[in-house]
Amino acid sequence: MSLFDMLLLVLAGFAAGGMNALAGGGTFFSFPALLAAGLPPVTANATNAVALWPASLAGAWAARASLRPLGRYLIPLLLAGLCGGLLGGLLLLAGGDEIFRGLIPWLLLAATALFAASPWLSRALAARRAPAAQPPHSPWSLGAHIGVSIYGGYFGAGMGILQLAAFAIEGHPLARANALKNLISAVIYSIATLTFVVAGRVSWYELAILLGGATLGGYAGGALGQRLPPKLLRALVIAVGSGMTGYYFWVTYFAV
């Protein structure tokens, strides 16, 4: 690995950690940087997923007080996250680099659109259904959670927005929906990480560099969180996501 690639991964990790701490959307920085460093698409995505794993565990642990009263209610959701995350990871590995390479611009487009629409989506969902103490599970809701989990195991960018939407539609208040999102994300990233590690598709050297930058970025993002306007941060993530989407559409379909 060249010095330039190392610097690129440190800066991308710093940006990803900072943006995740501030507004989300860190994948738009870290995933393209891993591709630019020369990793094959599946390996880059697997390495990026493993890089996000510690943060997902921390988020789930921080939300444990809100989740403890739910008890057995969590079991179907945990199983949906486990099965969906495993299936998504296996689909990524089975499809290989060529199929995933062709899907990259579409996945980035979907993630960018979800991130851009999330404020309006949240308001619309909050107005649509009143919060319930413990909304009953239904085949449709569990099917939606499995679908989101498959997406999370396969790619993951924008997964949190989809999860919040699914929980809000069921009738969970926002605070509990966010806690549930953290828990199920931790399950998805845990099983996907295990799958990618067993398959040998994680590039540990690039991962270590990326995690170092992300740790510093997360700390800096937490320190700056009270000073920077949220709208500016969201605009930056959307601009980067749009730029990356356009670039990968060009590379995939138009570049000779």
C-alpha atoms as a PDB file:
ATOM      1  CA  MET A   1       0.000   0.000   0.000  1.00  0.00           C
ATOM      2  CA  SER A   2       1.316   3.422  -0.952  1.00  0.00           C
ATOM      3  CA  LEU A   3       1.651   6.343   1.414  1.00  0.00           C
ATOM      4  CA  PHE A   4      -1.097   8.107  -0.524  1.00  0.00           C
ATOM      5  CA  ASP A   5      -3.509   5.200   0.033  1.00  0.00           C
ATOM      6  CA  MET A   6      -2.703   5.158   3.757  1.00  0.00           C
ATOM      7  CA  LEU A   7      -3.340   8.888   4.019  1.00  0.00           C
ATOM      8  CA  LEU A   8      -6.570   8.509   2.032  1.00  0.00           C
ATOM      9  CA  LEU A   9      -7.868   5.832   4.414  1.00  0.00           C
ATOM     10  CA  VAL A  10      -6.918   7.838   7.507  1.00  0.00           C
ATOM     11  CA  LEU A  11      -8.703  10.919   6.171  1.00  0.00           C
ATOM     12  CA  ALA A  12     -11.715   8.897   5.002  1.00  0.00           C
ATOM     13  CA  GLY A  13     -11.914   7.150   8.371  1.00  0.00           C
ATOM     14  CA  PHE A  14     -11.670  10.506  10.145  1.00  0.00           C
ATOM     15  CA  ALA A  15     -14.449  11.944   7.975  1.00  0.00           C
ATOM     16  CA  ALA A  16     -16.615   8.827   8.391  1.00  0.00           C
ATOM     17  CA  GLY A  17     -16.207   8.742  12.161  1.00  0.00           C
ATOM     18  CA  GLY A  18     -16.894  12.444  12.451  1.00  0.00           C
ATOM     19  CA  MET A  19     -19.956  12.400  10.216  1.00  0.00           C
ATOM     20  CA  ASN A  20     -21.424   9.344  11.960  1.00  0.00           C
ATOM     21  CA  ALA A  21     -21.044  11.153  15.274  1.00  0.00           C
ATOM     22  CA  LEU A  22     -22.625  14.309  13.893  1.00  0.00           C
ATOM     23  CA  ALA A  23     -25.233  13.417  11.279  1.00  0.00           C
ATOM     24  CA  GLY A  24     -24.647   9.908   9.921  1.00  0.00           C
ATOM     25  CA  GLY A  25     -23.604   8.986   6.393  1.00  0.00           C
ATOM     26  CA  GLY A  26     -20.015   8.010   7.157  1.00  0.00           C
ATOM     27  CA  THR A  27     -20.163   5.119   4.673  1.00  0.00           C
ATOM     28  CA  PHE A  28     -20.119   7.640   1.830  1.00  0.00           C
ATOM     29  CA  PHE A  29     -16.540   8.461   2.858  1.00  0.00           C
ATOM     30  CA  SER A  30     -15.160   5.104   3.985  1.00  0.00           C
ATOM     31  CA  PHE A  31     -16.491   2.712   1.320  1.00  0.00           C
ATOM     32  CA  PRO A  32     -15.291   4.668  -1.762  1.00  0.00           C
ATOM     33  CA  ALA A  33     -11.911   5.197  -0.069  1.00  0.00           C
ATOM     34  CA  LEU A  34     -11.478   1.437   0.360  1.00  0.00           C
ATOM     35  CA  LEU A  35     -12.306   0.981  -3.330  1.00  0.00           C
ATOM     36  CA  ALA A  36      -9.842   3.722  -4.265  1.00  0.00           C
ATOM     37  CA  ALA A  37      -7.168   1.996  -2.175  1.00  0.00           C
ATOM     38  CA  GLY A  38      -7.454  -0.971  -4.520  1.00  0.00           C
ATOM     39  CA  LEU A  39      -9.694  -3.396  -2.639  1.00  0.00           C
ATOM     40  CA  PRO A  40     -12.147  -5.490  -4.695  1.00  0.00           C
ATOM     41  CA  PRO A  41     -15.769  -4.323  -4.204  1.00  0.00           C
ATOM     42  CA  VAL A  42     -16.899  -7.216  -1.988  1.00  0.00           C
ATOM     43  CA  THR A  43     -13.761  -7.001   0.162  1.00  0.00           C
ATOM     44  CA  ALA A  44     -14.171  -3.228   0.460  1.00  0.00           C
ATOM     45  CA  ASN A  45     -17.786  -3.601   1.566  1.00  0.00           C
ATOM     46  CA  ALA A  46     -16.939  -6.411   4.005  1.00  0.00           C
ATOM     47  CA  THR A  47     -14.086  -4.387   5.502  1.00  0.00           C
ATOM     48  CA  ASN A  48     -16.336  -1.353   5.809  1.00  0.00           C
ATOM     49  CA  ALA A  49     -19.012  -3.424   7.572  1.00  0.00           C
ATOM     50  CA  VAL A  50     -16.475  -4.716  10.094  1.00  0.00           C
ATOM     51  CA  ALA A  51     -15.308  -1.141  10.669  1.00  0.00           C
ATOM     52  CA  LEU A  52     -18.874  -0.155  11.599  1.00  0.00           C
ATOM     53  CA  TRP A  53     -19.351  -3.117  13.929  1.00  0.00           C
ATOM     54  CA  PRO A  54     -17.823  -1.654  17.161  1.00  0.00           C
ATOM     55  CA  ALA A  55     -19.960   1.486  16.890  1.00  0.00           C
ATOM     56  CA  SER A  56     -23.105  -0.615  16.467  1.00  0.00           C
ATOM     57  CA  LEU A  57     -22.301  -2.570  19.631  1.00  0.00           C
ATOM     58  CA  ALA A  58     -21.697   0.655  21.541  1.00  0.00           C
ATOM     59  CA  GLY A  59     -25.029   2.058  20.354  1.00  0.00           C
ATOM     60  CA  ALA A  60     -26.883  -1.071  21.426  1.00  0.00           C
ATOM     61  CA  TRP A  61     -25.231  -1.064  24.857  1.00  0.00           C
ATOM     62  CA  ALA A  62     -26.079   2.603  25.377  1.00  0.00           C
ATOM     63  CA  ALA A  63     -29.757   1.871  24.626  1.00  0.00           C
ATOM     64  CA  ARG A  64     -30.078  -1.160  26.930  1.00  0.00           C
ATOM     65  CA  ALA A  65     -32.179   0.643  29.548  1.00  0.00           C
ATOM     66  CA  SER A  66     -34.878   1.463  26.978  1.00  0.00           C
ATOM     67  CA  LEU A  67     -34.914  -2.086  25.635  1.00  0.00           C
ATOM     68  CA  ARG A  68     -34.898  -4.109  28.870  1.00  0.00           C
ATOM     69  CA  PRO A  69     -38.662  -3.704  29.557  1.00  0.00           C
ATOM     70  CA  LEU A  70     -39.523  -5.193  26.149  1.00  0.00           C
ATOM     71  CA  GLY A  71     -38.331  -8.671  27.178  1.00  0.00           C
ATOM     72  CA  ARG A  72     -39.630 -11.461  24.923  1.00  0.00           C
ATOM     73  CA  TYR A  73     -41.013  -8.914  22.479  1.00  0.00           C
ATOM     74  CA  LEU A  74     -37.452  -8.546  21.161  1.00  0.00           C
ATOM     75  CA  ILE A  75     -37.005 -12.213  20.223  1.00  0.00           C
ATOM     76  CA  PRO A  76     -38.742 -12.109  16.778  1.00  0.00           C
ATOM     77  CA  LEU A  77     -36.905  -8.870  15.937  1.00  0.00           C
ATOM     78  CA  LEU A  78     -33.545 -10.355  16.930  1.00  0.00           C
ATOM     79  CA  LEU A  79     -34.239 -13.453  14.833  1.00  0.00           C
ATOM     80  CA  ALA A  80     -35.241 -11.265  11.874  1.00  0.00           C
ATOM     81  CA  GLY A  81     -32.012  -9.281  12.179  1.00  0.00           C
ATOM     82  CA  LEU A  82     -29.925 -12.430  12.581  1.00  0.00           C
ATOM     83  CA  CYS A  83     -31.447 -14.298   9.628  1.00  0.00           C
ATOM     84  CA  GLY A  84     -31.610 -11.244   7.369  1.00  0.00           C
ATOM     85  CA  GLY A  85     -28.071 -10.115   8.160  1.00  0.00           C
ATOM     86  CA  LEU A  86     -26.712 -13.612   7.531  1.00  0.00           C
ATOM     87  CA  LEU A  87     -28.620 -13.921   4.250  1.00  0.00           C
ATOM     88  CA  GLY A  88     -27.465 -10.488   3.091  1.00  0.00           C
ATOM     89  CA  GLY A  89     -23.836 -11.301   3.854  1.00  0.00           C
ATOM     90  CA  LEU A  90     -24.071 -14.653   2.071  1.00  0.00           C
ATOM     91  CA  LEU A  91     -25.706 -13.010  -0.957  1.00  0.00           C
ATOM     92  CA  LEU A  92     -22.846 -10.515  -1.116  1.00  0.00           C
ATOM     93  CA  LEU A  93     -20.262 -13.297  -1.025  1.00  0.00           C
ATOM     94  CA  ALA A  94     -22.155 -15.519  -3.464  1.00  0.00           C
ATOM     95  CA  GLY A  95     -22.742 -12.736  -5.989  1.00  0.00           C
ATOM     96  CA  GLY A  96     -19.078 -11.851  -6.178  1.00  0.00           C
ATOM     97  CA  ASP A  97     -17.287  -8.681  -7.219  1.00  0.00           C
ATOM     98  CA  GLU A  98     -18.764  -8.278 -10.711  1.00  0.00           C
ATOM     99  CA  ILE A  99     -22.407  -8.323  -9.624  1.00  0.00           C
ATOM    100  CA  PHE A 100     -21.733  -6.078  -6.645  1.00  0.00           C
ATOM    101  CA  ARG A 101     -19.713  -3.662  -8.802  1.00  0.00           C
ATOM    102  CA  GLY A 102     -22.722  -3.209 -11.075  1.00  0.00           C
ATOM    103  CA  LEU A 103     -24.995  -2.559  -8.096  1.00  0.00           C
ATOM    104  CA  ILE A 104     -22.732  -0.002  -6.372  1.00  0.00           C
ATOM    105  CA  PRO A 105     -24.137   3.132  -8.091  1.00  0.00           C
ATOM    106  CA  TRP A 106     -27.725   2.005  -7.476  1.00  0.00           C
ATOM    107  CA  LEU A 107     -27.037   1.206  -3.829  1.00  0.00           C
ATOM    108  CA  LEU A 108     -25.345   4.583  -3.338  1.00  0.00           C
ATOM    109  CA  LEU A 109     -28.262   6.311  -5.079  1.00  0.00           C
ATOM    110  CA  ALA A 110     -30.774   4.583  -2.785  1.00  0.00           C
ATOM    111  CA  ALA A 111     -28.754   5.417   0.317  1.00  0.00           C
ATOM    112  CA  THR A 112     -28.332   9.076  -0.714  1.00  0.00           C
ATOM    113  CA  ALA A 113     -32.043   9.435  -1.471  1.00  0.00           C
ATOM    114  CA  LEU A 114     -32.966   7.883   1.878  1.00  0.00           C
ATOM    115  CA  PHE A 115     -30.599  10.164   3.756  1.00  0.00           C
ATOM    116  CA  ALA A 116     -31.862  13.254   1.941  1.00  0.00           C
ATOM    117  CA  ALA A 117     -35.524  12.327   2.530  1.00  0.00           C
ATOM    118  CA  SER A 118     -35.133  11.213   6.146  1.00  0.00           C
ATOM    119  CA  PRO A 119     -36.398  14.461   7.818  1.00  0.00           C
ATOM    120  CA  TRP A 120     -39.588  14.488   5.737  1.00  0.00           C
ATOM    121  CA  LEU A 121     -40.003  10.752   6.117  1.00  0.00           C
ATOM    122  CA  SER A 122     -39.687  10.989   9.891  1.00  0.00           C
ATOM    123  CA  ARG A 123     -42.287  13.762  10.126  1.00  0.00           C
ATOM    124  CA  ALA A 124     -44.718  11.932   7.861  1.00  0.00           C
ATOM    125  CA  LEU A 125     -44.387   8.695   9.829  1.00  0.00           C
ATOM    126  CA  ALA A 126     -44.741  10.465  13.176  1.00  0.00           C
ATOM    127  CA  ALA A 127     -48.001  12.039  12.025  1.00  0.00           C
ATOM    128  CA  ARG A 128     -49.336   8.830  10.524  1.00  0.00           C
ATOM    129  CA  ARG A 129     -49.565   6.617  13.563  1.00  0.00           C
ATOM    130  CA  ALA A 130     -49.824   7.216  17.292  1.00  0.00           C
ATOM    131  CA  PRO A 131     -47.175   5.572  19.497  1.00  0.00           C
ATOM    132  CA  ALA A 132     -48.216   2.276  21.074  1.00  0.00           C
ATOM    133  CA  ALA A 133     -47.019   0.692  24.302  1.00  0.00           C
ATOM    134  CA  GLN A 134     -45.955  -2.507  22.531  1.00  0.00           C
ATOM    135  CA  PRO A 135     -47.185  -2.815  18.928  1.00  0.00           C
ATOM    136  CA  PRO A 136     -47.980  -6.433  17.990  1.00  0.00           C
ATOM    137  CA  HIS A 137     -45.786  -8.204  15.484  1.00  0.00           C
ATOM    138  CA  SER A 138     -47.361  -9.120  12.172  1.00  0.00           C
ATOM    139  CA  PRO A 139     -46.110 -11.143   9.202  1.00  0.00           C
ATOM    140  CA  TRP A 140     -45.859  -7.892   7.235  1.00  0.00           C
ATOM    141  CA  SER A 141     -43.801  -6.059   9.860  1.00  0.00           C
ATOM    142  CA  LEU A 142     -41.448  -8.986  10.437  1.00  0.00           C
ATOM    143  CA  GLY A 143     -41.099  -9.397   6.677  1.00  0.00           C
ATOM    144  CA  ALA A 144     -40.142  -5.721   6.416  1.00  0.00           C
ATOM    145  CA  HIS A 145     -37.528  -6.122   9.152  1.00  0.00           C
ATOM    146  CA  ILE A 146     -36.069  -9.177   7.424  1.00  0.00           C
ATOM    147  CA  GLY A 147     -35.889  -7.221   4.161  1.00  0.00           C
ATOM    148  CA  VAL A 148     -34.103  -4.309   5.834  1.00  0.00           C
ATOM    149  CA  SER A 149     -31.736  -6.754   7.550  1.00  0.00           C
ATOM    150  CA  ILE A 150     -30.880  -8.412   4.233  1.00  0.00           C
ATOM    151  CA  TYR A 151     -30.064  -4.987   2.822  1.00  0.00           C
ATOM    152  CA  GLY A 152     -27.963  -4.250   5.905  1.00  0.00           C
ATOM    153  CA  GLY A 153     -25.976  -7.455   5.567  1.00  0.00           C
ATOM    154  CA  TYR A 154     -25.494  -6.859   1.844  1.00  0.00           C
ATOM    155  CA  PHE A 155     -24.560  -3.161   1.848  1.00  0.00           C
ATOM    156  CA  GLY A 156     -25.851  -1.248   4.849  1.00  0.00           C
ATOM    157  CA  ALA A 157     -25.656   2.434   3.897  1.00  0.00           C
ATOM    158  CA  GLY A 158     -28.966   4.038   4.882  1.00  0.00           C
ATOM    159  CA  MET A 159     -30.059   0.934   6.798  1.00  0.00           C
ATOM    160  CA  GLY A 160     -30.723   2.923   9.977  1.00  0.00           C
ATOM    161  CA  ILE A 161     -33.183   5.183   8.159  1.00  0.00           C
ATOM    162  CA  LEU A 162     -35.088   2.155   6.853  1.00  0.00           C
ATOM    163  CA  GLN A 163     -35.195   0.632  10.331  1.00  0.00           C
ATOM    164  CA  LEU A 164     -36.501   3.831  11.913  1.00  0.00           C
ATOM    165  CA  ALA A 165     -39.188   3.998   9.243  1.00  0.00           C
ATOM    166  CA  ALA A 166     -40.240   0.386   9.873  1.00  0.00           C
ATOM    167  CA  PHE A 167     -40.441   0.846  13.643  1.00  0.00           C
ATOM    168  CA  ALA A 168     -42.278   4.166  13.312  1.00  0.00           C
ATOM    169  CA  ILE A 169     -44.877   2.597  11.000  1.00  0.00           C
ATOM    170  CA  GLU A 170     -45.459  -0.105  13.629  1.00  0.00           C
ATOM    171  CA  GLY A 171     -46.224   2.594  16.190  1.00  0.00           C
ATOM    172  CA  HIS A 172     -43.060   2.809  18.304  1.00  0.00           C
ATOM    173  CA  PRO A 173     -42.205   6.249  19.715  1.00  0.00           C
ATOM    174  CA  LEU A 174     -39.056   7.767  18.270  1.00  0.00           C
ATOM    175  CA  ALA A 175     -36.821   7.177  21.303  1.00  0.00           C
ATOM    176  CA  ARG A 176     -37.692   3.480  21.475  1.00  0.00           C
ATOM    177  CA  ALA A 177     -37.502   3.141  17.676  1.00  0.00           C
ATOM    178  CA  ASN A 178     -33.967   4.521  17.811  1.00  0.00           C
ATOM    179  CA  ALA A 179     -33.020   2.099  20.601  1.00  0.00           C
ATOM    180  CA  LEU A 180     -34.463  -0.824  18.625  1.00  0.00           C
ATOM    181  CA  LYS A 181     -32.599   0.365  15.544  1.00  0.00           C
ATOM    182  CA  ASN A 182     -29.318   0.328  17.481  1.00  0.00           C
ATOM    183  CA  LEU A 183     -29.954  -3.175  18.797  1.00  0.00           C
ATOM    184  CA  ILE A 184     -30.942  -4.738  15.466  1.00  0.00           C
ATOM    185  CA  SER A 185     -28.075  -2.957  13.698  1.00  0.00           C
ATOM    186  CA  ALA A 186     -25.667  -4.516  16.190  1.00  0.00           C
ATOM    187  CA  VAL A 187     -27.120  -7.967  15.451  1.00  0.00           C
ATOM    188  CA  ILE A 188     -26.904  -7.443  11.688  1.00  0.00           C
ATOM    189  CA  TYR A 189     -23.333  -6.135  11.765  1.00  0.00           C
ATOM    190  CA  SER A 190     -22.282  -8.887  14.191  1.00  0.00           C
ATOM    191  CA  ILE A 191     -23.515 -11.758  12.021  1.00  0.00           C
ATOM    192  CA  ALA A 192     -22.316 -10.070   8.818  1.00  0.00           C
ATOM    193  CA  THR A 193     -18.892  -9.472  10.388  1.00  0.00           C
ATOM    194  CA  LEU A 194     -18.646 -13.122  11.428  1.00  0.00           C
ATOM    195  CA  THR A 195     -19.667 -14.203   7.919  1.00  0.00           C
ATOM    196  CA  PHE A 196     -17.077 -11.987   6.217  1.00  0.00           C
ATOM    197  CA  VAL A 197     -14.300 -12.978   8.625  1.00  0.00           C
ATOM    198  CA  VAL A 198     -14.972 -16.712   8.178  1.00  0.00           C
ATOM    199  CA  ALA A 199     -15.030 -16.219   4.394  1.00  0.00           C
ATOM    200  CA  GLY A 200     -11.689 -14.392   4.516  1.00  0.00           C
ATOM    201  CA  ARG A 201     -13.024 -11.267   2.788  1.00  0.00           C
ATOM    202  CA  VAL A 202     -11.812  -8.709   5.353  1.00  0.00           C
ATOM    203  CA  SER A 203      -8.634  -6.775   4.613  1.00  0.00           C
ATOM    204  CA  TRP A 204      -7.216  -6.320   8.095  1.00  0.00           C
ATOM    205  CA  TYR A 205      -4.454  -3.863   7.239  1.00  0.00           C
ATOM    206  CA  GLU A 206      -6.835  -1.387   5.600  1.00  0.00           C
ATOM    207  CA  LEU A 207      -9.329  -2.003   8.397  1.00  0.00           C
ATOM    208  CA  ALA A 208      -6.811  -1.041  11.088  1.00  0.00           C
ATOM    209  CA  ILE A 209      -5.952   2.209   9.302  1.00  0.00           C
ATOM    210  CA  LEU A 210      -9.612   3.051   8.711  1.00  0.00           C
ATOM    211  CA  LEU A 211     -10.542   2.344  12.332  1.00  0.00           C
ATOM    212  CA  GLY A 212      -7.710   4.551  13.582  1.00  0.00           C
ATOM    213  CA  GLY A 213      -8.968   7.484  11.558  1.00  0.00           C
ATOM    214  CA  ALA A 214     -12.606   6.773  12.475  1.00  0.00           C
ATOM    215  CA  THR A 215     -11.801   6.756  16.187  1.00  0.00           C
ATOM    216  CA  LEU A 216     -10.169  10.167  15.952  1.00  0.00           C
ATOM    217  CA  GLY A 217     -12.986  11.438  13.754  1.00  0.00           C
ATOM    218  CA  GLY A 218     -15.633  10.204  16.161  1.00  0.00           C
ATOM    219  CA  TYR A 219     -13.972  12.053  19.011  1.00  0.00           C
ATOM    220  CA  ALA A 220     -13.654  15.234  16.952  1.00  0.00           C
ATOM    221  CA  GLY A 221     -17.237  14.919  15.749  1.00  0.00           C
ATOM    222  CA  GLY A 222     -18.508  14.570  19.296  1.00  0.00           C
ATOM    223  CA  ALA A 223     -16.572  17.682  20.314  1.00  0.00           C
ATOM    224  CA  LEU A 224     -17.895  19.705  17.368  1.00  0.00           C
ATOM    225  CA  GLY A 225     -21.449  18.448  17.565  1.00  0.00           C
ATOM    226  CA  GLN A 226     -22.709  21.448  19.513  1.00  0.00           C
ATOM    227  CA  ARG A 227     -21.022  24.022  17.303  1.00  0.00           C
ATOM    228  CA  LEU A 228     -21.793  23.127  13.693  1.00  0.00           C
ATOM    229  CA  PRO A 229     -25.244  23.648  12.114  1.00  0.00           C
ATOM    230  CA  PRO A 230     -26.991  20.289  11.467  1.00  0.00           C
ATOM    231  CA  LYS A 231     -28.275  21.529   8.106  1.00  0.00           C
ATOM    232  CA  LEU A 232     -24.709  22.196   6.955  1.00  0.00           C
ATOM    233  CA  LEU A 233     -23.639  18.694   7.972  1.00  0.00           C
ATOM    234  CA  ARG A 234     -26.593  17.085   6.219  1.00  0.00           C
ATOM    235  CA  ALA A 235     -25.879  19.109   3.095  1.00  0.00           C
ATOM    236  CA  LEU A 236     -22.269  17.909   3.143  1.00  0.00           C
ATOM    237  CA  VAL A 237     -23.285  14.247   3.417  1.00  0.00           C
ATOM    238  CA  ILE A 238     -25.845  14.635   0.605  1.00  0.00           C
ATOM    239  CA  ALA A 239     -23.288  16.409  -1.584  1.00  0.00           C
ATOM    240  CA  VAL A 240     -20.700  13.665  -1.035  1.00  0.00           C
ATOM    241  CA  GLY A 241     -23.293  10.931  -1.579  1.00  0.00           C
ATOM    242  CA  SER A 242     -24.529  12.574  -4.771  1.00  0.00           C
ATOM    243  CA  GLY A 243     -20.985  13.029  -6.038  1.00  0.00           C
ATOM    244  CA  MET A 244     -20.061   9.412  -5.315  1.00  0.00           C
ATOM    245  CA  THR A 245     -23.276   8.193  -6.934  1.00  0.00           C
ATOM    246  CA  GLY A 246     -22.639  10.190 -10.093  1.00  0.00           C
ATOM    247  CA  TYR A 247     -19.021   9.068 -10.233  1.00  0.00           C
ATOM    248  CA  TYR A 248     -19.853   5.358  -9.930  1.00  0.00           C
ATOM    249  CA  PHE A 249     -22.657   5.620 -12.496  1.00  0.00           C
ATOM    250  CA  TRP A 250     -20.101   7.128 -14.878  1.00  0.00           C
ATOM    251  CA  VAL A 251     -17.447   4.522 -14.143  1.00  0.00           C
ATOM    252  CA  THR A 252     -19.916   1.628 -14.347  1.00  0.00           C
ATOM    253  CA  TYR A 253     -21.916   2.564 -17.423  1.00  0.00           C
ATOM    254  CA  PHE A 254     -20.118   5.251 -19.434  1.00  0.00           C
ATOM    255  CA  ALA A 255     -16.340   5.108 -18.923  1.00  0.00           C
ATOM    256  CA  VAL A 256     -14.487   3.222 -21.611  1.00  0.00           C
END
